[in-house]
Amino acid sequence: MATVELTTANFDQVTEGDGIVLVDFWADWCGPCKRFAPVYERSSDKHADITFGKVDTEAQQELAAKFDIRSIPTIMAIRDGVIVFAQPGALPESALENLIEQVQALDMDDVRKKLAEHKH
């Protein structure tokens, strides 16, 4: 599956549903972002069940600010509408695949329970 361009108009719609969404915050002027792009694309081809989104931080400054993106690329993983991972830095392909495996293995009932405990 090809990557999906995420904007302020479609971000919530794409990320709030069930399933896994990976988000790559990037910019055209960012060298590490450009080197990471083919890795991200290859991964999107391998995982048709996952939505791979890209946020151009120059065009979508409001989204970058909302998620306090200070360094790019930043990879964010969202599962069933919950942000379960966010980290700056381009990942090697093996690390991206490992991240995907970890997100797939999460017990989301446990994650939601822990989030609820932190809010009290």
PDB file of N, CA and C in Angstrom:
ATOM      1  N   MET A   1       0.845  -1.185   0.000  1.00  0.00           N
ATOM      2  CA  MET A   1       0.000   0.000   0.000  1.00  0.00           C
ATOM      3  C   MET A   1       0.884   1.240   0.000  1.00  0.00           C
ATOM      4  N   ALA A   2       0.515   2.203  -0.771  1.00  0.00           N
ATOM      5  CA  ALA A   2       1.272   3.452  -0.817  1.00  0.00           C
ATOM      6  C   ALA A   2       1.004   4.255   0.444  1.00  0.00           C
ATOM      7  N   THR A   3       1.869   5.206   0.698  1.00  0.00           N
ATOM      8  CA  THR A   3       1.682   6.045   1.873  1.00  0.00           C
ATOM      9  C   THR A   3       0.554   7.048   1.626  1.00  0.00           C
ATOM     10  N   VAL A   4      -0.032   7.520   2.722  1.00  0.00           N
ATOM     11  CA  VAL A   4      -1.148   8.457   2.679  1.00  0.00           C
ATOM     12  C   VAL A   4      -0.658   9.807   3.194  1.00  0.00           C
ATOM     13  N   GLU A   5      -0.933  10.852   2.457  1.00  0.00           N
ATOM     14  CA  GLU A   5      -0.571  12.191   2.927  1.00  0.00           C
ATOM     15  C   GLU A   5      -1.563  12.596   4.013  1.00  0.00           C
ATOM     16  N   LEU A   6      -1.038  12.921   5.178  1.00  0.00           N
ATOM     17  CA  LEU A   6      -1.889  13.333   6.290  1.00  0.00           C
ATOM     18  C   LEU A   6      -1.852  14.849   6.438  1.00  0.00           C
ATOM     19  N   THR A   7      -3.029  15.422   6.623  1.00  0.00           N
ATOM     20  CA  THR A   7      -3.173  16.865   6.786  1.00  0.00           C
ATOM     21  C   THR A   7      -4.064  17.126   7.989  1.00  0.00           C
ATOM     22  N   THR A   8      -4.209  18.388   8.353  1.00  0.00           N
ATOM     23  CA  THR A   8      -5.115  18.716   9.456  1.00  0.00           C
ATOM     24  C   THR A   8      -6.539  18.282   9.106  1.00  0.00           C
ATOM     25  N   ALA A   9      -6.865  18.239   7.826  1.00  0.00           N
ATOM     26  CA  ALA A   9      -8.220  17.878   7.394  1.00  0.00           C
ATOM     27  C   ALA A   9      -8.525  16.390   7.576  1.00  0.00           C
ATOM     28  N   ASN A  10      -7.519  15.503   7.413  1.00  0.00           N
ATOM     29  CA  ASN A  10      -7.810  14.070   7.466  1.00  0.00           C
ATOM     30  C   ASN A  10      -7.100  13.314   8.589  1.00  0.00           C
ATOM     31  N   PHE A  11      -6.238  13.972   9.355  1.00  0.00           N
ATOM     32  CA  PHE A  11      -5.417  13.278  10.352  1.00  0.00           C
ATOM     33  C   PHE A  11      -6.267  12.495  11.348  1.00  0.00           C
ATOM     34  N   ASP A  12      -7.224  13.157  11.987  1.00  0.00           N
ATOM     35  CA  ASP A  12      -8.041  12.480  13.002  1.00  0.00           C
ATOM     36  C   ASP A  12      -8.833  11.326  12.404  1.00  0.00           C
ATOM     37  N   GLN A  13      -9.392  11.544  11.231  1.00  0.00           N
ATOM     38  CA  GLN A  13     -10.182  10.498  10.564  1.00  0.00           C
ATOM     39  C   GLN A  13      -9.327   9.252  10.314  1.00  0.00           C
ATOM     40  N   VAL A  14      -8.097   9.452   9.861  1.00  0.00           N
ATOM     41  CA  VAL A  14      -7.220   8.329   9.532  1.00  0.00           C
ATOM     42  C   VAL A  14      -6.700   7.639  10.795  1.00  0.00           C
ATOM     43  N   THR A  15      -6.410   8.401  11.845  1.00  0.00           N
ATOM     44  CA  THR A  15      -5.724   7.835  13.009  1.00  0.00           C
ATOM     45  C   THR A  15      -6.633   7.383  14.144  1.00  0.00           C
ATOM     46  N   GLU A  16      -7.905   7.745  14.131  1.00  0.00           N
ATOM     47  CA  GLU A  16      -8.759   7.414  15.266  1.00  0.00           C
ATOM     48  C   GLU A  16      -9.451   6.068  15.159  1.00  0.00           C
ATOM     49  N   GLY A  17      -9.366   5.421  14.020  1.00  0.00           N
ATOM     50  CA  GLY A  17     -10.050   4.146  13.848  1.00  0.00           C
ATOM     51  C   GLY A  17      -9.278   2.979  14.432  1.00  0.00           C
ATOM     52  N   ASP A  18      -9.827   1.781  14.234  1.00  0.00           N
ATOM     53  CA  ASP A  18      -9.147   0.568  14.678  1.00  0.00           C
ATOM     54  C   ASP A  18      -7.978   0.271  13.747  1.00  0.00           C
ATOM     55  N   GLY A  19      -7.012  -0.436  14.284  1.00  0.00           N
ATOM     56  CA  GLY A  19      -5.857  -0.827  13.482  1.00  0.00           C
ATOM     57  C   GLY A  19      -4.640   0.030  13.782  1.00  0.00           C
ATOM     58  N   ILE A  20      -3.599  -0.201  12.992  1.00  0.00           N
ATOM     59  CA  ILE A  20      -2.312   0.460  13.204  1.00  0.00           C
ATOM     60  C   ILE A  20      -2.087   1.513  12.127  1.00  0.00           C
ATOM     61  N   VAL A  21      -1.653   2.679  12.575  1.00  0.00           N
ATOM     62  CA  VAL A  21      -1.265   3.760  11.672  1.00  0.00           C
ATOM     63  C   VAL A  21       0.142   4.184  12.071  1.00  0.00           C
ATOM     64  N   LEU A  22       1.059   4.171  11.127  1.00  0.00           N
ATOM     65  CA  LEU A  22       2.391   4.734  11.353  1.00  0.00           C
ATOM     66  C   LEU A  22       2.416   6.096  10.696  1.00  0.00           C
ATOM     67  N   VAL A  23       3.039   7.055  11.368  1.00  0.00           N
ATOM     68  CA  VAL A  23       3.106   8.418  10.839  1.00  0.00           C
ATOM     69  C   VAL A  23       4.562   8.841  10.776  1.00  0.00           C
ATOM     70  N   ASP A  24       4.972   9.313   9.617  1.00  0.00           N
ATOM     71  CA  ASP A  24       6.319   9.835   9.388  1.00  0.00           C
ATOM     72  C   ASP A  24       6.200  11.351   9.264  1.00  0.00           C
ATOM     73  N   PHE A  25       6.704  12.074  10.260  1.00  0.00           N
ATOM     74  CA  PHE A  25       6.768  13.534  10.186  1.00  0.00           C
ATOM     75  C   PHE A  25       8.079  13.870   9.491  1.00  0.00           C
ATOM     76  N   TRP A  26       8.007  14.619   8.385  1.00  0.00           N
ATOM     77  CA  TRP A  26       9.180  14.862   7.547  1.00  0.00           C
ATOM     78  C   TRP A  26       9.105  16.259   6.930  1.00  0.00           C
ATOM     79  N   ALA A  27      10.167  16.635   6.235  1.00  0.00           N
ATOM     80  CA  ALA A  27      10.188  17.867   5.439  1.00  0.00           C
ATOM     81  C   ALA A  27      11.093  17.648   4.233  1.00  0.00           C
ATOM     82  N   ASP A  28      10.810  18.367   3.168  1.00  0.00           N
ATOM     83  CA  ASP A  28      11.547  18.211   1.915  1.00  0.00           C
ATOM     84  C   ASP A  28      13.024  18.577   2.055  1.00  0.00           C
ATOM     85  N   TRP A  29      13.354  19.512   2.934  1.00  0.00           N
ATOM     86  CA  TRP A  29      14.733  19.975   3.090  1.00  0.00           C
ATOM     87  C   TRP A  29      15.568  19.075   3.999  1.00  0.00           C
ATOM     88  N   CYS A  30      14.952  18.056   4.588  1.00  0.00           N
ATOM     89  CA  CYS A  30      15.593  17.208   5.605  1.00  0.00           C
ATOM     90  C   CYS A  30      16.282  16.009   4.962  1.00  0.00           C
ATOM     91  N   GLY A  31      17.619  15.998   5.007  1.00  0.00           N
ATOM     92  CA  GLY A  31      18.388  14.895   4.426  1.00  0.00           C
ATOM     93  C   GLY A  31      18.044  13.532   5.016  1.00  0.00           C
ATOM     94  N   PRO A  32      18.048  13.382   6.361  1.00  0.00           N
ATOM     95  CA  PRO A  32      17.683  12.087   6.944  1.00  0.00           C
ATOM     96  C   PRO A  32      16.267  11.650   6.563  1.00  0.00           C
ATOM     97  N   CYS A  33      15.363  12.609   6.397  1.00  0.00           N
ATOM     98  CA  CYS A  33      13.993  12.277   5.981  1.00  0.00           C
ATOM     99  C   CYS A  33      14.000  11.648   4.591  1.00  0.00           C
ATOM    100  N   LYS A  34      14.781  12.233   3.695  1.00  0.00           N
ATOM    101  CA  LYS A  34      14.846  11.723   2.319  1.00  0.00           C
ATOM    102  C   LYS A  34      15.481  10.329   2.273  1.00  0.00           C
ATOM    103  N   ARG A  35      16.470  10.087   3.149  1.00  0.00           N
ATOM    104  CA  ARG A  35      17.098   8.760   3.191  1.00  0.00           C
ATOM    105  C   ARG A  35      16.153   7.720   3.803  1.00  0.00           C
ATOM    106  N   PHE A  36      15.290   8.154   4.729  1.00  0.00           N
ATOM    107  CA  PHE A  36      14.359   7.243   5.387  1.00  0.00           C
ATOM    108  C   PHE A  36      13.160   6.911   4.492  1.00  0.00           C
ATOM    109  N   ALA A  37      12.793   7.805   3.592  1.00  0.00           N
ATOM    110  CA  ALA A  37      11.585   7.644   2.767  1.00  0.00           C
ATOM    111  C   ALA A  37      11.517   6.295   2.045  1.00  0.00           C
ATOM    112  N   PRO A  38      12.587   5.818   1.376  1.00  0.00           N
ATOM    113  CA  PRO A  38      12.485   4.526   0.688  1.00  0.00           C
ATOM    114  C   PRO A  38      12.292   3.351   1.658  1.00  0.00           C
ATOM    115  N   VAL A  39      12.880   3.437   2.849  1.00  0.00           N
ATOM    116  CA  VAL A  39      12.712   2.401   3.871  1.00  0.00           C
ATOM    117  C   VAL A  39      11.236   2.336   4.270  1.00  0.00           C
ATOM    118  N   TYR A  40      10.651   3.499   4.495  1.00  0.00           N
ATOM    119  CA  TYR A  40       9.247   3.613   4.891  1.00  0.00           C
ATOM    120  C   TYR A  40       8.330   3.069   3.788  1.00  0.00           C
ATOM    121  N   GLU A  41       8.639   3.418   2.534  1.00  0.00           N
ATOM    122  CA  GLU A  41       7.855   2.937   1.387  1.00  0.00           C
ATOM    123  C   GLU A  41       7.920   1.412   1.269  1.00  0.00           C
ATOM    124  N   ARG A  42       9.122   0.853   1.413  1.00  0.00           N
ATOM    125  CA  ARG A  42       9.260  -0.613   1.316  1.00  0.00           C
ATOM    126  C   ARG A  42       8.442  -1.294   2.406  1.00  0.00           C
ATOM    127  N   SER A  43       8.477  -0.733   3.592  1.00  0.00           N
ATOM    128  CA  SER A  43       7.715  -1.302   4.701  1.00  0.00           C
ATOM    129  C   SER A  43       6.218  -1.215   4.421  1.00  0.00           C
ATOM    130  N   SER A  44       5.790  -0.112   3.819  1.00  0.00           N
ATOM    131  CA  SER A  44       4.362   0.040   3.507  1.00  0.00           C
ATOM    132  C   SER A  44       3.921  -1.010   2.480  1.00  0.00           C
ATOM    133  N   ASP A  45       4.821  -1.398   1.595  1.00  0.00           N
ATOM    134  CA  ASP A  45       4.499  -2.439   0.613  1.00  0.00           C
ATOM    135  C   ASP A  45       4.356  -3.814   1.273  1.00  0.00           C
ATOM    136  N   LYS A  46       5.103  -4.048   2.358  1.00  0.00           N
ATOM    137  CA  LYS A  46       5.081  -5.341   3.046  1.00  0.00           C
ATOM    138  C   LYS A  46       3.878  -5.498   3.962  1.00  0.00           C
ATOM    139  N   HIS A  47       3.307  -4.399   4.429  1.00  0.00           N
ATOM    140  CA  HIS A  47       2.265  -4.450   5.463  1.00  0.00           C
ATOM    141  C   HIS A  47       0.988  -3.769   4.973  1.00  0.00           C
ATOM    142  N   ALA A  48       0.238  -4.482   4.161  1.00  0.00           N
ATOM    143  CA  ALA A  48      -0.994  -3.921   3.594  1.00  0.00           C
ATOM    144  C   ALA A  48      -2.052  -3.648   4.659  1.00  0.00           C
ATOM    145  N   ASP A  49      -1.924  -4.282   5.817  1.00  0.00           N
ATOM    146  CA  ASP A  49      -2.905  -4.113   6.890  1.00  0.00           C
ATOM    147  C   ASP A  49      -2.638  -2.887   7.766  1.00  0.00           C
ATOM    148  N   ILE A  50      -1.552  -2.194   7.496  1.00  0.00           N
ATOM    149  CA  ILE A  50      -1.175  -1.017   8.275  1.00  0.00           C
ATOM    150  C   ILE A  50      -1.265   0.216   7.383  1.00  0.00           C
ATOM    151  N   THR A  51      -1.776   1.311   7.945  1.00  0.00           N
ATOM    152  CA  THR A  51      -1.799   2.574   7.211  1.00  0.00           C
ATOM    153  C   THR A  51      -0.488   3.297   7.483  1.00  0.00           C
ATOM    154  N   PHE A  52       0.210   3.679   6.422  1.00  0.00           N
ATOM    155  CA  PHE A  52       1.457   4.429   6.516  1.00  0.00           C
ATOM    156  C   PHE A  52       1.168   5.859   6.079  1.00  0.00           C
ATOM    157  N   GLY A  53       1.199   6.782   7.021  1.00  0.00           N
ATOM    158  CA  GLY A  53       0.923   8.179   6.723  1.00  0.00           C
ATOM    159  C   GLY A  53       2.181   9.019   6.770  1.00  0.00           C
ATOM    160  N   LYS A  54       2.151  10.119   6.048  1.00  0.00           N
ATOM    161  CA  LYS A  54       3.269  11.064   6.045  1.00  0.00           C
ATOM    162  C   LYS A  54       2.721  12.462   6.296  1.00  0.00           C
ATOM    163  N   VAL A  55       3.389  13.186   7.198  1.00  0.00           N
ATOM    164  CA  VAL A  55       3.019  14.567   7.487  1.00  0.00           C
ATOM    165  C   VAL A  55       4.185  15.462   7.074  1.00  0.00           C
ATOM    166  N   ASP A  56       3.950  16.297   6.076  1.00  0.00           N
ATOM    167  CA  ASP A  56       4.941  17.282   5.652  1.00  0.00           C
ATOM    168  C   ASP A  56       4.882  18.417   6.676  1.00  0.00           C
ATOM    169  N   THR A  57       5.902  18.491   7.531  1.00  0.00           N
ATOM    170  CA  THR A  57       5.873  19.464   8.638  1.00  0.00           C
ATOM    171  C   THR A  57       5.908  20.910   8.168  1.00  0.00           C
ATOM    172  N   GLU A  58       6.375  21.140   6.947  1.00  0.00           N
ATOM    173  CA  GLU A  58       6.363  22.505   6.406  1.00  0.00           C
ATOM    174  C   GLU A  58       4.947  22.915   6.012  1.00  0.00           C
ATOM    175  N   ALA A  59       4.239  22.007   5.357  1.00  0.00           N
ATOM    176  CA  ALA A  59       2.880  22.296   4.895  1.00  0.00           C
ATOM    177  C   ALA A  59       1.855  22.142   6.017  1.00  0.00           C
ATOM    178  N   GLN A  60       2.172  21.326   7.013  1.00  0.00           N
ATOM    179  CA  GLN A  60       1.226  21.017   8.095  1.00  0.00           C
ATOM    180  C   GLN A  60       1.818  21.439   9.448  1.00  0.00           C
ATOM    181  N   GLN A  61       2.174  22.708   9.551  1.00  0.00           N
ATOM    182  CA  GLN A  61       2.822  23.199  10.774  1.00  0.00           C
ATOM    183  C   GLN A  61       1.924  23.055  12.002  1.00  0.00           C
ATOM    184  N   GLU A  62       0.617  23.137  11.801  1.00  0.00           N
ATOM    185  CA  GLU A  62      -0.318  22.995  12.917  1.00  0.00           C
ATOM    186  C   GLU A  62      -0.239  21.580  13.511  1.00  0.00           C
ATOM    187  N   LEU A  63      -0.151  20.562  12.660  1.00  0.00           N
ATOM    188  CA  LEU A  63      -0.017  19.177  13.141  1.00  0.00           C
ATOM    189  C   LEU A  63       1.327  18.975  13.840  1.00  0.00           C
ATOM    190  N   ALA A  64       2.381  19.507  13.258  1.00  0.00           N
ATOM    191  CA  ALA A  64       3.706  19.379  13.877  1.00  0.00           C
ATOM    192  C   ALA A  64       3.701  20.017  15.267  1.00  0.00           C
ATOM    193  N   ALA A  65       3.043  21.154  15.403  1.00  0.00           N
ATOM    194  CA  ALA A  65       2.964  21.827  16.704  1.00  0.00           C
ATOM    195  C   ALA A  65       2.090  21.033  17.678  1.00  0.00           C
ATOM    196  N   LYS A  66       0.990  20.489  17.190  1.00  0.00           N
ATOM    197  CA  LYS A  66       0.068  19.721  18.046  1.00  0.00           C
ATOM    198  C   LYS A  66       0.784  18.556  18.722  1.00  0.00           C
ATOM    199  N   PHE A  67       1.689  17.914  17.993  1.00  0.00           N
ATOM    200  CA  PHE A  67       2.404  16.758  18.529  1.00  0.00           C
ATOM    201  C   PHE A  67       3.817  17.105  18.996  1.00  0.00           C
ATOM    202  N   ASP A  68       4.102  18.407  19.098  1.00  0.00           N
ATOM    203  CA  ASP A  68       5.378  18.894  19.622  1.00  0.00           C
ATOM    204  C   ASP A  68       6.573  18.268  18.895  1.00  0.00           C
ATOM    205  N   ILE A  69       6.486  18.236  17.573  1.00  0.00           N
ATOM    206  CA  ILE A  69       7.562  17.672  16.754  1.00  0.00           C
ATOM    207  C   ILE A  69       8.693  18.699  16.691  1.00  0.00           C
ATOM    208  N   ARG A  70       9.822  18.349  17.285  1.00  0.00           N
ATOM    209  CA  ARG A  70      10.971  19.260  17.344  1.00  0.00           C
ATOM    210  C   ARG A  70      12.137  18.788  16.491  1.00  0.00           C
ATOM    211  N   SER A  71      12.094  17.528  16.084  1.00  0.00           N
ATOM    212  CA  SER A  71      13.172  16.948  15.298  1.00  0.00           C
ATOM    213  C   SER A  71      12.548  16.019  14.265  1.00  0.00           C
ATOM    214  N   ILE A  72      13.053  16.071  13.053  1.00  0.00           N
ATOM    215  CA  ILE A  72      12.515  15.200  12.018  1.00  0.00           C
ATOM    216  C   ILE A  72      13.652  14.417  11.373  1.00  0.00           C
ATOM    217  N   PRO A  73      13.366  13.237  10.857  1.00  0.00           N
ATOM    218  CA  PRO A  73      12.055  12.605  10.890  1.00  0.00           C
ATOM    219  C   PRO A  73      11.677  12.164  12.308  1.00  0.00           C
ATOM    220  N   THR A  74      10.390  12.169  12.580  1.00  0.00           N
ATOM    221  CA  THR A  74       9.849  11.566  13.794  1.00  0.00           C
ATOM    222  C   THR A  74       8.852  10.512  13.350  1.00  0.00           C
ATOM    223  N   ILE A  75       8.969   9.332  13.948  1.00  0.00           N
ATOM    224  CA  ILE A  75       8.048   8.236  13.647  1.00  0.00           C
ATOM    225  C   ILE A  75       7.082   8.102  14.816  1.00  0.00           C
ATOM    226  N   MET A  76       5.809   8.020  14.499  1.00  0.00           N
ATOM    227  CA  MET A  76       4.775   7.834  15.507  1.00  0.00           C
ATOM    228  C   MET A  76       3.976   6.589  15.132  1.00  0.00           C
ATOM    229  N   ALA A  77       3.664   5.773  16.130  1.00  0.00           N
ATOM    230  CA  ALA A  77       2.815   4.607  15.914  1.00  0.00           C
ATOM    231  C   ALA A  77       1.534   4.801  16.715  1.00  0.00           C
ATOM    232  N   ILE A  78       0.403   4.612  16.044  1.00  0.00           N
ATOM    233  CA  ILE A  78      -0.910   4.760  16.659  1.00  0.00           C
ATOM    234  C   ILE A  78      -1.652   3.450  16.450  1.00  0.00           C
ATOM    235  N   ARG A  79      -2.180   2.904  17.529  1.00  0.00           N
ATOM    236  CA  ARG A  79      -2.961   1.668  17.395  1.00  0.00           C
ATOM    237  C   ARG A  79      -4.318   1.884  18.051  1.00  0.00           C
ATOM    238  N   ASP A  80      -5.359   1.613  17.308  1.00  0.00           N
ATOM    239  CA  ASP A  80      -6.733   1.771  17.790  1.00  0.00           C
ATOM    240  C   ASP A  80      -6.958   3.163  18.389  1.00  0.00           C
ATOM    241  N   GLY A  81      -6.375   4.172  17.747  1.00  0.00           N
ATOM    242  CA  GLY A  81      -6.576   5.553  18.162  1.00  0.00           C
ATOM    243  C   GLY A  81      -5.691   6.011  19.305  1.00  0.00           C
ATOM    244  N   VAL A  82      -4.773   5.158  19.789  1.00  0.00           N
ATOM    245  CA  VAL A  82      -3.903   5.495  20.913  1.00  0.00           C
ATOM    246  C   VAL A  82      -2.458   5.599  20.412  1.00  0.00           C
ATOM    247  N   ILE A  83      -1.794   6.712  20.721  1.00  0.00           N
ATOM    248  CA  ILE A  83      -0.376   6.847  20.363  1.00  0.00           C
ATOM    249  C   ILE A  83       0.419   5.927  21.289  1.00  0.00           C
ATOM    250  N   VAL A  84       1.089   4.939  20.715  1.00  0.00           N
ATOM    251  CA  VAL A  84       1.831   3.969  21.513  1.00  0.00           C
ATOM    252  C   VAL A  84       3.342   4.117  21.356  1.00  0.00           C
ATOM    253  N   PHE A  85       3.783   4.972  20.426  1.00  0.00           N
ATOM    254  CA  PHE A  85       5.214   5.177  20.205  1.00  0.00           C
ATOM    255  C   PHE A  85       5.406   6.472  19.444  1.00  0.00           C
ATOM    256  N   ALA A  86       6.409   7.234  19.838  1.00  0.00           N
ATOM    257  CA  ALA A  86       6.813   8.424  19.073  1.00  0.00           C
ATOM    258  C   ALA A  86       8.275   8.690  19.391  1.00  0.00           C
ATOM    259  N   GLN A  87       9.083   8.753  18.345  1.00  0.00           N
ATOM    260  CA  GLN A  87      10.512   8.958  18.550  1.00  0.00           C
ATOM    261  C   GLN A  87      11.132   9.622  17.322  1.00  0.00           C
ATOM    262  N   PRO A  88      11.963  10.640  17.554  1.00  0.00           N
ATOM    263  CA  PRO A  88      12.659  11.236  16.421  1.00  0.00           C
ATOM    264  C   PRO A  88      13.802  10.341  15.950  1.00  0.00           C
ATOM    265  N   GLY A  89      14.138  10.506  14.683  1.00  0.00           N
ATOM    266  CA  GLY A  89      15.266   9.790  14.110  1.00  0.00           C
ATOM    267  C   GLY A  89      14.833   8.803  13.051  1.00  0.00           C
ATOM    268  N   ALA A  90      15.621   8.731  11.991  1.00  0.00           N
ATOM    269  CA  ALA A  90      15.353   7.765  10.923  1.00  0.00           C
ATOM    270  C   ALA A  90      15.722   6.375  11.430  1.00  0.00           C
ATOM    271  N   LEU A  91      14.836   5.437  11.238  1.00  0.00           N
ATOM    272  CA  LEU A  91      15.092   4.070  11.683  1.00  0.00           C
ATOM    273  C   LEU A  91      15.644   3.231  10.540  1.00  0.00           C
ATOM    274  N   PRO A  92      16.611   2.352  10.832  1.00  0.00           N
ATOM    275  CA  PRO A  92      17.007   1.379   9.817  1.00  0.00           C
ATOM    276  C   PRO A  92      15.829   0.429   9.572  1.00  0.00           C
ATOM    277  N   GLU A  93      15.820  -0.211   8.434  1.00  0.00           N
ATOM    278  CA  GLU A  93      14.691  -1.067   8.071  1.00  0.00           C
ATOM    279  C   GLU A  93      14.396  -2.130   9.130  1.00  0.00           C
ATOM    280  N   SER A  94      15.437  -2.741   9.688  1.00  0.00           N
ATOM    281  CA  SER A  94      15.232  -3.788  10.696  1.00  0.00           C
ATOM    282  C   SER A  94      14.565  -3.216  11.947  1.00  0.00           C
ATOM    283  N   ALA A  95      14.930  -2.001  12.339  1.00  0.00           N
ATOM    284  CA  ALA A  95      14.327  -1.376  13.520  1.00  0.00           C
ATOM    285  C   ALA A  95      12.867  -1.002  13.263  1.00  0.00           C
ATOM    286  N   LEU A  96      12.561  -0.555  12.048  1.00  0.00           N
ATOM    287  CA  LEU A  96      11.180  -0.231  11.696  1.00  0.00           C
ATOM    288  C   LEU A  96      10.329  -1.497  11.729  1.00  0.00           C
ATOM    289  N   GLU A  97      10.845  -2.589  11.190  1.00  0.00           N
ATOM    290  CA  GLU A  97      10.124  -3.862  11.214  1.00  0.00           C
ATOM    291  C   GLU A  97       9.925  -4.341  12.653  1.00  0.00           C
ATOM    292  N   ASN A  98      10.936  -4.158  13.498  1.00  0.00           N
ATOM    293  CA  ASN A  98      10.829  -4.538  14.903  1.00  0.00           C
ATOM    294  C   ASN A  98       9.767  -3.704  15.612  1.00  0.00           C
ATOM    295  N   LEU A  99       9.729  -2.416  15.307  1.00  0.00           N
ATOM    296  CA  LEU A  99       8.706  -1.542  15.884  1.00  0.00           C
ATOM    297  C   LEU A  99       7.306  -2.032  15.492  1.00  0.00           C
ATOM    298  N   ILE A 100       7.137  -2.366  14.222  1.00  0.00           N
ATOM    299  CA  ILE A 100       5.841  -2.847  13.740  1.00  0.00           C
ATOM    300  C   ILE A 100       5.444  -4.120  14.498  1.00  0.00           C
ATOM    301  N   GLU A 101       6.387  -5.045  14.668  1.00  0.00           N
ATOM    302  CA  GLU A 101       6.093  -6.287  15.402  1.00  0.00           C
ATOM    303  C   GLU A 101       5.673  -5.980  16.836  1.00  0.00           C
ATOM    304  N   GLN A 102       6.352  -5.048  17.484  1.00  0.00           N
ATOM    305  CA  GLN A 102       6.021  -4.705  18.863  1.00  0.00           C
ATOM    306  C   GLN A 102       4.633  -4.071  18.967  1.00  0.00           C
ATOM    307  N   VAL A 103       4.302  -3.196  18.028  1.00  0.00           N
ATOM    308  CA  VAL A 103       2.989  -2.554  18.044  1.00  0.00           C
ATOM    309  C   VAL A 103       1.895  -3.596  17.787  1.00  0.00           C
ATOM    310  N   GLN A 104       2.152  -4.528  16.870  1.00  0.00           N
ATOM    311  CA  GLN A 104       1.180  -5.584  16.587  1.00  0.00           C
ATOM    312  C   GLN A 104       0.957  -6.478  17.805  1.00  0.00           C
ATOM    313  N   ALA A 105       1.979  -6.668  18.629  1.00  0.00           N
ATOM    314  CA  ALA A 105       1.897  -7.574  19.773  1.00  0.00           C
ATOM    315  C   ALA A 105       1.267  -6.940  21.015  1.00  0.00           C
ATOM    316  N   LEU A 106       1.038  -5.639  20.987  1.00  0.00           N
ATOM    317  CA  LEU A 106       0.490  -4.974  22.168  1.00  0.00           C
ATOM    318  C   LEU A 106      -0.883  -5.512  22.554  1.00  0.00           C
ATOM    319  N   ASP A 107      -1.103  -5.620  23.853  1.00  0.00           N
ATOM    320  CA  ASP A 107      -2.427  -5.928  24.396  1.00  0.00           C
ATOM    321  C   ASP A 107      -3.096  -4.575  24.638  1.00  0.00           C
ATOM    322  N   MET A 108      -3.968  -4.177  23.724  1.00  0.00           N
ATOM    323  CA  MET A 108      -4.541  -2.827  23.794  1.00  0.00           C
ATOM    324  C   MET A 108      -5.452  -2.637  25.003  1.00  0.00           C
ATOM    325  N   ASP A 109      -6.072  -3.704  25.513  1.00  0.00           N
ATOM    326  CA  ASP A 109      -6.863  -3.569  26.739  1.00  0.00           C
ATOM    327  C   ASP A 109      -5.947  -3.172  27.893  1.00  0.00           C
ATOM    328  N   ASP A 110      -4.760  -3.788  27.942  1.00  0.00           N
ATOM    329  CA  ASP A 110      -3.782  -3.462  28.976  1.00  0.00           C
ATOM    330  C   ASP A 110      -3.275  -2.023  28.809  1.00  0.00           C
ATOM    331  N   VAL A 111      -3.020  -1.626  27.573  1.00  0.00           N
ATOM    332  CA  VAL A 111      -2.552  -0.260  27.298  1.00  0.00           C
ATOM    333  C   VAL A 111      -3.590   0.757  27.769  1.00  0.00           C
ATOM    334  N   ARG A 112      -4.861   0.535  27.426  1.00  0.00           N
ATOM    335  CA  ARG A 112      -5.922   1.457  27.837  1.00  0.00           C
ATOM    336  C   ARG A 112      -6.067   1.504  29.357  1.00  0.00           C
ATOM    337  N   LYS A 113      -5.919   0.342  29.999  1.00  0.00           N
ATOM    338  CA  LYS A 113      -6.005   0.271  31.466  1.00  0.00           C
ATOM    339  C   LYS A 113      -4.891   1.114  32.106  1.00  0.00           C
ATOM    340  N   LYS A 114      -3.672   0.978  31.576  1.00  0.00           N
ATOM    341  CA  LYS A 114      -2.536   1.739  32.116  1.00  0.00           C
ATOM    342  C   LYS A 114      -2.724   3.232  31.877  1.00  0.00           C
ATOM    343  N   LEU A 115      -3.248   3.605  30.716  1.00  0.00           N
ATOM    344  CA  LEU A 115      -3.514   5.016  30.434  1.00  0.00           C
ATOM    345  C   LEU A 115      -4.545   5.564  31.424  1.00  0.00           C
ATOM    346  N   ALA A 116      -5.572   4.802  31.706  1.00  0.00           N
ATOM    347  CA  ALA A 116      -6.605   5.240  32.643  1.00  0.00           C
ATOM    348  C   ALA A 116      -6.026   5.421  34.046  1.00  0.00           C
ATOM    349  N   GLU A 117      -5.105   4.530  34.433  1.00  0.00           N
ATOM    350  CA  GLU A 117      -4.468   4.638  35.750  1.00  0.00           C
ATOM    351  C   GLU A 117      -3.633   5.897  35.855  1.00  0.00           C
ATOM    352  N   HIS A 118      -2.971   6.293  34.767  1.00  0.00           N
ATOM    353  CA  HIS A 118      -2.124   7.492  34.778  1.00  0.00           C
ATOM    354  C   HIS A 118      -2.948   8.771  34.852  1.00  0.00           C
ATOM    355  N   LYS A 119      -4.179   8.715  34.407  1.00  0.00           N
ATOM    356  CA  LYS A 119      -5.014   9.919  34.392  1.00  0.00           C
ATOM    357  C   LYS A 119      -5.600  10.212  35.768  1.00  0.00           C
ATOM    358  N   HIS A 120      -5.535   9.253  36.700  1.00  0.00           N
ATOM    359  CA  HIS A 120      -6.114   9.456  38.034  1.00  0.00           C
ATOM    360  C   HIS A 120      -5.099   9.985  38.995  1.00  0.00           C
TER     361      HIS A 120
END
